[in-house]
Amino acid sequence: MAGGLGTRLRSKVSDLPKPMAPVAGRPFLEWQLMVLKAQGFCDIVLCTGYLADKVALYFGDGSNFGLKIDYSVEKEPLGTAGAVLNAAKFIDGTFLLLNGDTFFDLDCRGLLDFHEGKEAGLSLSLVMVDDAARFGSVAIDSNNRVLGFREKGSDTQGFGHVNAGIYAVSPAVLDYIAPGKPVSLENDVIPTIITTGSVFGYVSDGYFIDIGTPESYEKAQEYFVRYF
């Protein structure tokens, strides 16, 4: 999902969609794609909207990066779930879905194996953080079944599992997305699927960072300079 406005990053990046924000000499999105490529994922669909032409101009068809890239462009904002439904023509099986403004050092094959083993409709990557209030926490049971969410800024202070922005998704999930209007994956779709008992959380301790604020954006710069 690469159509973010990056409103809180305007002081740092004023003329680019958030996933294209420069981090350690490359667009943040390029780092994500290179990590996916290193794990063997090369067939990519970029869901774009805001300043979509800048994403397409940089990545093209992906051949310069050793990838195959297609584009699903929103004519108007559709929300996170709406963006997925807009890309339905590219989906023919279980797929990975990534937020374009977060990075999680995750074994994505492990997530897919977990997803298939649970026969899940949707599996969320989860990471433990020391300040869940900023993100909102995710409650899971002893079988890693997701029980519900606590909104960010609520009673989530302290340690907690948070959604790390990488999902394994079965195609049946598309049936839960209402067409023709903005729909949020987190607020509209996932809570409904939870009632079916088919949403699971895959817990990992990899490095997690988002670039949603100027402070976290600077931390991302430091991380990628140091480790890549």
C-alpha atoms as a PDB file:
ATOM      1  CA  MET A   1       0.000   0.000   0.000  1.00  0.00           C
ATOM      2  CA  ALA A   2       1.913   2.993  -1.324  1.00  0.00           C
ATOM      3  CA  GLY A   3      -0.582   5.833  -1.500  1.00  0.00           C
ATOM      4  CA  GLY A   4      -0.021   7.508   1.861  1.00  0.00           C
ATOM      5  CA  LEU A   5      -0.249  11.292   2.132  1.00  0.00           C
ATOM      6  CA  GLY A   6       2.361  11.658   4.857  1.00  0.00           C
ATOM      7  CA  THR A   7       0.619  14.634   6.450  1.00  0.00           C
ATOM      8  CA  ARG A   8       2.744  14.534   9.606  1.00  0.00           C
ATOM      9  CA  LEU A   9       5.902  14.339   7.503  1.00  0.00           C
ATOM     10  CA  ARG A  10       5.265  17.508   5.521  1.00  0.00           C
ATOM     11  CA  SER A  11       8.025  19.294   7.436  1.00  0.00           C
ATOM     12  CA  LYS A  12      10.475  16.683   6.101  1.00  0.00           C
ATOM     13  CA  VAL A  13       8.938  15.582   2.794  1.00  0.00           C
ATOM     14  CA  SER A  14       6.494  17.959   1.139  1.00  0.00           C
ATOM     15  CA  ASP A  15       6.316  16.792  -2.468  1.00  0.00           C
ATOM     16  CA  LEU A  16       6.272  12.989  -2.302  1.00  0.00           C
ATOM     17  CA  PRO A  17       3.876  10.246  -1.182  1.00  0.00           C
ATOM     18  CA  LYS A  18       4.988   8.980   2.217  1.00  0.00           C
ATOM     19  CA  PRO A  19       6.438   5.626   1.019  1.00  0.00           C
ATOM     20  CA  MET A  20       8.724   7.551  -1.352  1.00  0.00           C
ATOM     21  CA  ALA A  21      10.302   9.565   1.468  1.00  0.00           C
ATOM     22  CA  PRO A  22      14.106   9.359   1.114  1.00  0.00           C
ATOM     23  CA  VAL A  23      15.723   7.121   3.716  1.00  0.00           C
ATOM     24  CA  ALA A  24      19.491   6.552   3.661  1.00  0.00           C
ATOM     25  CA  GLY A  25      19.726   7.539  -0.004  1.00  0.00           C
ATOM     26  CA  ARG A  26      16.737   5.541  -1.315  1.00  0.00           C
ATOM     27  CA  PRO A  27      12.962   5.820  -1.170  1.00  0.00           C
ATOM     28  CA  PHE A  28      11.661   4.004   1.902  1.00  0.00           C
ATOM     29  CA  LEU A  29       9.570   1.820  -0.405  1.00  0.00           C
ATOM     30  CA  GLU A  30      12.694   0.641  -2.225  1.00  0.00           C
ATOM     31  CA  TRP A  31      14.137  -0.733   1.008  1.00  0.00           C
ATOM     32  CA  GLN A  32      10.936  -2.712   1.557  1.00  0.00           C
ATOM     33  CA  LEU A  33      11.002  -4.111  -1.968  1.00  0.00           C
ATOM     34  CA  MET A  34      14.655  -5.096  -1.758  1.00  0.00           C
ATOM     35  CA  VAL A  35      14.030  -7.021   1.468  1.00  0.00           C
ATOM     36  CA  LEU A  36      11.090  -8.815  -0.176  1.00  0.00           C
ATOM     37  CA  LYS A  37      13.228  -9.633  -3.205  1.00  0.00           C
ATOM     38  CA  ALA A  38      15.943 -11.081  -0.953  1.00  0.00           C
ATOM     39  CA  GLN A  39      13.297 -13.447   0.447  1.00  0.00           C
ATOM     40  CA  GLY A  40      12.194 -14.533  -3.026  1.00  0.00           C
ATOM     41  CA  PHE A  41       9.123 -12.319  -3.516  1.00  0.00           C
ATOM     42  CA  CYS A  42       9.375 -10.656  -6.905  1.00  0.00           C
ATOM     43  CA  ASP A  43       5.786 -10.242  -8.172  1.00  0.00           C
ATOM     44  CA  ILE A  44       4.670  -6.907  -6.729  1.00  0.00           C
ATOM     45  CA  VAL A  45       1.516  -4.796  -6.958  1.00  0.00           C
ATOM     46  CA  LEU A  46       1.836  -1.217  -5.735  1.00  0.00           C
ATOM     47  CA  CYS A  47      -1.458   0.313  -4.603  1.00  0.00           C
ATOM     48  CA  THR A  48      -0.983   3.998  -5.279  1.00  0.00           C
ATOM     49  CA  GLY A  49      -3.074   7.140  -5.130  1.00  0.00           C
ATOM     50  CA  TYR A  50      -1.558  10.401  -3.933  1.00  0.00           C
ATOM     51  CA  LEU A  51       1.151  11.476  -6.431  1.00  0.00           C
ATOM     52  CA  ALA A  52       0.982   8.009  -8.012  1.00  0.00           C
ATOM     53  CA  ASP A  53       2.979   9.174 -11.033  1.00  0.00           C
ATOM     54  CA  LYS A  54       6.072   9.730  -8.880  1.00  0.00           C
ATOM     55  CA  VAL A  55       6.010   6.132  -7.695  1.00  0.00           C
ATOM     56  CA  ALA A  56       5.550   4.777 -11.236  1.00  0.00           C
ATOM     57  CA  LEU A  57       8.235   7.045 -12.671  1.00  0.00           C
ATOM     58  CA  TYR A  58      10.795   5.774 -10.181  1.00  0.00           C
ATOM     59  CA  PHE A  59      10.024   2.041 -10.206  1.00  0.00           C
ATOM     60  CA  GLY A  60       8.620   1.556 -13.706  1.00  0.00           C
ATOM     61  CA  ASP A  61       7.827  -2.078 -14.450  1.00  0.00           C
ATOM     62  CA  GLY A  62      10.353  -3.175 -11.837  1.00  0.00           C
ATOM     63  CA  SER A  63      12.829  -4.676 -14.306  1.00  0.00           C
ATOM     64  CA  ASN A  64      15.634  -2.344 -13.167  1.00  0.00           C
ATOM     65  CA  PHE A  65      15.189  -3.758  -9.672  1.00  0.00           C
ATOM     66  CA  GLY A  66      14.862  -7.424 -10.627  1.00  0.00           C
ATOM     67  CA  LEU A  67      11.115  -7.317  -9.936  1.00  0.00           C
ATOM     68  CA  LYS A  68       7.820  -7.457 -11.813  1.00  0.00           C
ATOM     69  CA  ILE A  69       5.735  -4.474 -10.711  1.00  0.00           C
ATOM     70  CA  ASP A  70       2.110  -3.715 -11.540  1.00  0.00           C
ATOM     71  CA  TYR A  71       0.094  -0.736 -10.350  1.00  0.00           C
ATOM     72  CA  SER A  72      -3.379  -0.396  -8.894  1.00  0.00           C
ATOM     73  CA  VAL A  73      -4.151   3.319  -8.892  1.00  0.00           C
ATOM     74  CA  GLU A  74      -6.942   4.853  -6.817  1.00  0.00           C
ATOM     75  CA  LYS A  75      -8.773   7.705  -8.525  1.00  0.00           C
ATOM     76  CA  GLU A  76      -9.964   8.792  -5.082  1.00  0.00           C
ATOM     77  CA  PRO A  77      -8.977   7.629  -1.588  1.00  0.00           C
ATOM     78  CA  LEU A  78     -10.471   4.193  -0.879  1.00  0.00           C
ATOM     79  CA  GLY A  79      -9.000   3.397   2.526  1.00  0.00           C
ATOM     80  CA  THR A  80      -6.673   0.493   3.231  1.00  0.00           C
ATOM     81  CA  ALA A  81      -9.227  -2.234   2.480  1.00  0.00           C
ATOM     82  CA  GLY A  82     -10.635  -0.363  -0.502  1.00  0.00           C
ATOM     83  CA  ALA A  83      -7.135  -0.207  -1.957  1.00  0.00           C
ATOM     84  CA  VAL A  84      -6.865  -3.988  -1.683  1.00  0.00           C
ATOM     85  CA  LEU A  85     -10.221  -4.537  -3.388  1.00  0.00           C
ATOM     86  CA  ASN A  86      -9.167  -2.111  -6.121  1.00  0.00           C
ATOM     87  CA  ALA A  87      -6.237  -4.457  -6.831  1.00  0.00           C
ATOM     88  CA  ALA A  88      -8.409  -7.595  -6.945  1.00  0.00           C
ATOM     89  CA  LYS A  89      -7.691  -8.240 -10.626  1.00  0.00           C
ATOM     90  CA  PHE A  90      -4.086  -9.029  -9.689  1.00  0.00           C
ATOM     91  CA  ILE A  91      -5.012 -11.477  -6.910  1.00  0.00           C
ATOM     92  CA  ASP A  92      -5.332 -15.193  -7.625  1.00  0.00           C
ATOM     93  CA  GLY A  93      -4.314 -16.771  -4.340  1.00  0.00           C
ATOM     94  CA  THR A  94      -3.006 -16.067  -0.849  1.00  0.00           C
ATOM     95  CA  PHE A  95      -0.908 -12.909  -0.849  1.00  0.00           C
ATOM     96  CA  LEU A  96       1.222 -10.719   1.367  1.00  0.00           C
ATOM     97  CA  LEU A  97      -0.020  -7.215   2.122  1.00  0.00           C
ATOM     98  CA  LEU A  98       2.386  -4.583   3.424  1.00  0.00           C
ATOM     99  CA  ASN A  99       1.920  -1.084   4.741  1.00  0.00           C
ATOM    100  CA  GLY A 100       4.001   1.326   2.713  1.00  0.00           C
ATOM    101  CA  ASP A 101       5.076   3.402   5.702  1.00  0.00           C
ATOM    102  CA  THR A 102       6.347   0.701   8.071  1.00  0.00           C
ATOM    103  CA  PHE A 103       9.303  -1.665   8.024  1.00  0.00           C
ATOM    104  CA  PHE A 104       9.406  -4.937   9.941  1.00  0.00           C
ATOM    105  CA  ASP A 105      12.377  -7.293   9.761  1.00  0.00           C
ATOM    106  CA  LEU A 106      10.218 -10.375   9.287  1.00  0.00           C
ATOM    107  CA  ASP A 107      10.604 -13.850   7.817  1.00  0.00           C
ATOM    108  CA  CYS A 108       7.670 -13.528   5.402  1.00  0.00           C
ATOM    109  CA  ARG A 109       7.854 -17.218   4.435  1.00  0.00           C
ATOM    110  CA  GLY A 110       7.402 -18.028   8.092  1.00  0.00           C
ATOM    111  CA  LEU A 111       4.309 -15.833   8.185  1.00  0.00           C
ATOM    112  CA  LEU A 112       2.838 -17.614   5.171  1.00  0.00           C
ATOM    113  CA  ASP A 113       3.584 -21.045   6.660  1.00  0.00           C
ATOM    114  CA  PHE A 114       1.917 -19.979   9.908  1.00  0.00           C
ATOM    115  CA  HIS A 115      -1.090 -18.646   7.972  1.00  0.00           C
ATOM    116  CA  GLU A 116      -1.536 -21.889   6.056  1.00  0.00           C
ATOM    117  CA  GLY A 117      -1.035 -24.008   9.166  1.00  0.00           C
ATOM    118  CA  LYS A 118      -3.799 -22.141  10.976  1.00  0.00           C
ATOM    119  CA  GLU A 119      -6.055 -22.262   7.905  1.00  0.00           C
ATOM    120  CA  ALA A 120      -6.546 -18.565   8.587  1.00  0.00           C
ATOM    121  CA  GLY A 121      -8.438 -16.009   6.606  1.00  0.00           C
ATOM    122  CA  LEU A 122      -5.993 -13.324   7.659  1.00  0.00           C
ATOM    123  CA  SER A 123      -2.782 -13.387   9.688  1.00  0.00           C
ATOM    124  CA  LEU A 124      -1.246 -10.260  11.180  1.00  0.00           C
ATOM    125  CA  SER A 125       2.424  -9.839  11.952  1.00  0.00           C
ATOM    126  CA  LEU A 126       2.753  -8.714  15.563  1.00  0.00           C
ATOM    127  CA  VAL A 127       5.651  -7.281  17.510  1.00  0.00           C
ATOM    128  CA  MET A 128       6.021  -6.417  21.182  1.00  0.00           C
ATOM    129  CA  VAL A 129       6.750  -2.727  21.818  1.00  0.00           C
ATOM    130  CA  ASP A 130       7.315  -0.820  25.036  1.00  0.00           C
ATOM    131  CA  ASP A 131       4.777   1.908  24.198  1.00  0.00           C
ATOM    132  CA  ALA A 132       1.656   0.373  22.691  1.00  0.00           C
ATOM    133  CA  ALA A 133      -0.301   3.608  23.247  1.00  0.00           C
ATOM    134  CA  ARG A 134       1.137   5.127  20.105  1.00  0.00           C
ATOM    135  CA  PHE A 135      -0.063   2.285  17.870  1.00  0.00           C
ATOM    136  CA  GLY A 136      -2.911   0.510  19.652  1.00  0.00           C
ATOM    137  CA  SER A 137      -2.483  -3.047  20.888  1.00  0.00           C
ATOM    138  CA  VAL A 138      -3.699  -6.432  19.653  1.00  0.00           C
ATOM    139  CA  ALA A 139      -5.033  -9.091  22.043  1.00  0.00           C
ATOM    140  CA  ILE A 140      -4.397 -12.765  21.210  1.00  0.00           C
ATOM    141  CA  ASP A 141      -5.206 -16.004  22.993  1.00  0.00           C
ATOM    142  CA  SER A 142      -2.910 -18.971  23.716  1.00  0.00           C
ATOM    143  CA  ASN A 143      -3.496 -20.269  20.181  1.00  0.00           C
ATOM    144  CA  ASN A 144      -2.514 -16.908  18.674  1.00  0.00           C
ATOM    145  CA  ARG A 145      -6.089 -16.238  17.617  1.00  0.00           C
ATOM    146  CA  VAL A 146      -6.753 -12.485  17.510  1.00  0.00           C
ATOM    147  CA  LEU A 147      -9.428 -11.508  20.025  1.00  0.00           C
ATOM    148  CA  GLY A 148      -9.613  -7.775  19.419  1.00  0.00           C
ATOM    149  CA  PHE A 149      -7.914  -4.404  19.319  1.00  0.00           C
ATOM    150  CA  ARG A 150      -7.412  -1.506  21.683  1.00  0.00           C
ATOM    151  CA  GLU A 151      -7.328   1.867  19.973  1.00  0.00           C
ATOM    152  CA  LYS A 152      -4.104   3.869  20.063  1.00  0.00           C
ATOM    153  CA  GLY A 153      -4.004   6.503  22.751  1.00  0.00           C
ATOM    154  CA  SER A 154      -6.428   4.583  24.956  1.00  0.00           C
ATOM    155  CA  ASP A 155      -5.533   2.340  27.893  1.00  0.00           C
ATOM    156  CA  THR A 156      -2.647   0.763  25.997  1.00  0.00           C
ATOM    157  CA  GLN A 157       0.264   2.380  27.841  1.00  0.00           C
ATOM    158  CA  GLY A 158       3.246   0.123  28.371  1.00  0.00           C
ATOM    159  CA  PHE A 159       4.257  -3.102  26.686  1.00  0.00           C
ATOM    160  CA  GLY A 160       1.908  -4.727  24.206  1.00  0.00           C
ATOM    161  CA  HIS A 161       1.624  -6.531  20.892  1.00  0.00           C
ATOM    162  CA  VAL A 162       1.054  -4.155  17.990  1.00  0.00           C
ATOM    163  CA  ASN A 163       0.226  -4.671  14.354  1.00  0.00           C
ATOM    164  CA  ALA A 164       3.548  -4.530  12.476  1.00  0.00           C
ATOM    165  CA  GLY A 165       1.994  -3.877   9.070  1.00  0.00           C
ATOM    166  CA  ILE A 166       2.582  -7.147   7.213  1.00  0.00           C
ATOM    167  CA  TYR A 167      -0.359  -9.484   6.578  1.00  0.00           C
ATOM    168  CA  ALA A 168      -0.922 -12.867   4.973  1.00  0.00           C
ATOM    169  CA  VAL A 169      -4.328 -12.701   3.317  1.00  0.00           C
ATOM    170  CA  SER A 170      -6.556 -15.367   1.814  1.00  0.00           C
ATOM    171  CA  PRO A 171      -8.628 -14.267  -1.212  1.00  0.00           C
ATOM    172  CA  ALA A 172     -11.894 -14.895   0.669  1.00  0.00           C
ATOM    173  CA  VAL A 173     -11.158 -11.755   2.706  1.00  0.00           C
ATOM    174  CA  LEU A 174     -12.064  -9.678  -0.362  1.00  0.00           C
ATOM    175  CA  ASP A 175     -15.684 -10.715   0.155  1.00  0.00           C
ATOM    176  CA  TYR A 176     -15.755  -8.679   3.364  1.00  0.00           C
ATOM    177  CA  ILE A 177     -14.807  -5.410   1.624  1.00  0.00           C
ATOM    178  CA  ALA A 178     -17.724  -3.263   0.485  1.00  0.00           C
ATOM    179  CA  PRO A 179     -17.120  -1.886  -3.022  1.00  0.00           C
ATOM    180  CA  GLY A 180     -17.433   1.684  -4.177  1.00  0.00           C
ATOM    181  CA  LYS A 181     -16.595   3.499  -0.954  1.00  0.00           C
ATOM    182  CA  PRO A 182     -13.657   4.037   1.418  1.00  0.00           C
ATOM    183  CA  VAL A 183     -13.175   1.037   3.708  1.00  0.00           C
ATOM    184  CA  SER A 184     -10.580   0.593   6.437  1.00  0.00           C
ATOM    185  CA  LEU A 185      -8.939  -2.797   6.818  1.00  0.00           C
ATOM    186  CA  GLU A 186      -8.161  -2.169  10.466  1.00  0.00           C
ATOM    187  CA  ASN A 187     -11.436  -0.551  11.547  1.00  0.00           C
ATOM    188  CA  ASP A 188     -14.052  -2.090   9.255  1.00  0.00           C
ATOM    189  CA  VAL A 189     -12.888  -5.413   7.859  1.00  0.00           C
ATOM    190  CA  ILE A 190     -10.674  -7.107  10.439  1.00  0.00           C
ATOM    191  CA  PRO A 191     -13.139  -6.647  13.357  1.00  0.00           C
ATOM    192  CA  THR A 192     -15.799  -8.400  11.277  1.00  0.00           C
ATOM    193  CA  ILE A 193     -13.521 -11.299  10.322  1.00  0.00           C
ATOM    194  CA  ILE A 194     -12.440 -11.694  13.958  1.00  0.00           C
ATOM    195  CA  THR A 195     -15.981 -12.828  14.746  1.00  0.00           C
ATOM    196  CA  THR A 196     -15.435 -15.829  12.453  1.00  0.00           C
ATOM    197  CA  GLY A 197     -12.375 -16.898  14.451  1.00  0.00           C
ATOM    198  CA  SER A 198     -10.127 -16.881  11.386  1.00  0.00           C
ATOM    199  CA  VAL A 199      -7.763 -14.007  12.256  1.00  0.00           C
ATOM    200  CA  PHE A 200      -4.429 -14.954  13.831  1.00  0.00           C
ATOM    201  CA  GLY A 201      -1.373 -13.094  15.069  1.00  0.00           C
ATOM    202  CA  TYR A 202       2.140 -14.150  14.072  1.00  0.00           C
ATOM    203  CA  VAL A 203       4.470 -12.855  16.771  1.00  0.00           C
ATOM    204  CA  SER A 204       8.059 -12.036  15.870  1.00  0.00           C
ATOM    205  CA  ASP A 205      10.831 -10.033  17.529  1.00  0.00           C
ATOM    206  CA  GLY A 206      12.295  -8.405  14.415  1.00  0.00           C
ATOM    207  CA  TYR A 207      13.109  -4.715  14.227  1.00  0.00           C
ATOM    208  CA  PHE A 208      10.010  -2.575  13.644  1.00  0.00           C
ATOM    209  CA  ILE A 209       9.808   1.069  12.658  1.00  0.00           C
ATOM    210  CA  ASP A 210       7.368   3.363  10.935  1.00  0.00           C
ATOM    211  CA  ILE A 211       8.025   6.722   9.287  1.00  0.00           C
ATOM    212  CA  GLY A 212       4.776   8.362  10.325  1.00  0.00           C
ATOM    213  CA  THR A 213       6.348  11.143  12.404  1.00  0.00           C
ATOM    214  CA  PRO A 214       9.479  13.282  11.968  1.00  0.00           C
ATOM    215  CA  GLU A 215      11.015  11.528  14.984  1.00  0.00           C
ATOM    216  CA  SER A 216      10.455   7.992  13.699  1.00  0.00           C
ATOM    217  CA  TYR A 217      11.545   9.098  10.223  1.00  0.00           C
ATOM    218  CA  GLU A 218      14.923  10.135  11.646  1.00  0.00           C
ATOM    219  CA  LYS A 219      15.229   6.779  13.434  1.00  0.00           C
ATOM    220  CA  ALA A 220      14.643   5.017  10.126  1.00  0.00           C
ATOM    221  CA  GLN A 221      17.513   6.989   8.590  1.00  0.00           C
ATOM    222  CA  GLU A 222      19.831   5.830  11.347  1.00  0.00           C
ATOM    223  CA  TYR A 223      18.718   2.196  11.103  1.00  0.00           C
ATOM    224  CA  PHE A 224      19.190   1.776   7.352  1.00  0.00           C
ATOM    225  CA  VAL A 225      22.538   3.588   7.328  1.00  0.00           C
ATOM    226  CA  ARG A 226      23.780   1.289  10.096  1.00  0.00           C
ATOM    227  CA  TYR A 227      22.516  -2.087   8.914  1.00  0.00           C
ATOM    228  CA  PHE A 228      22.255  -1.904   5.109  1.00  0.00           C
END
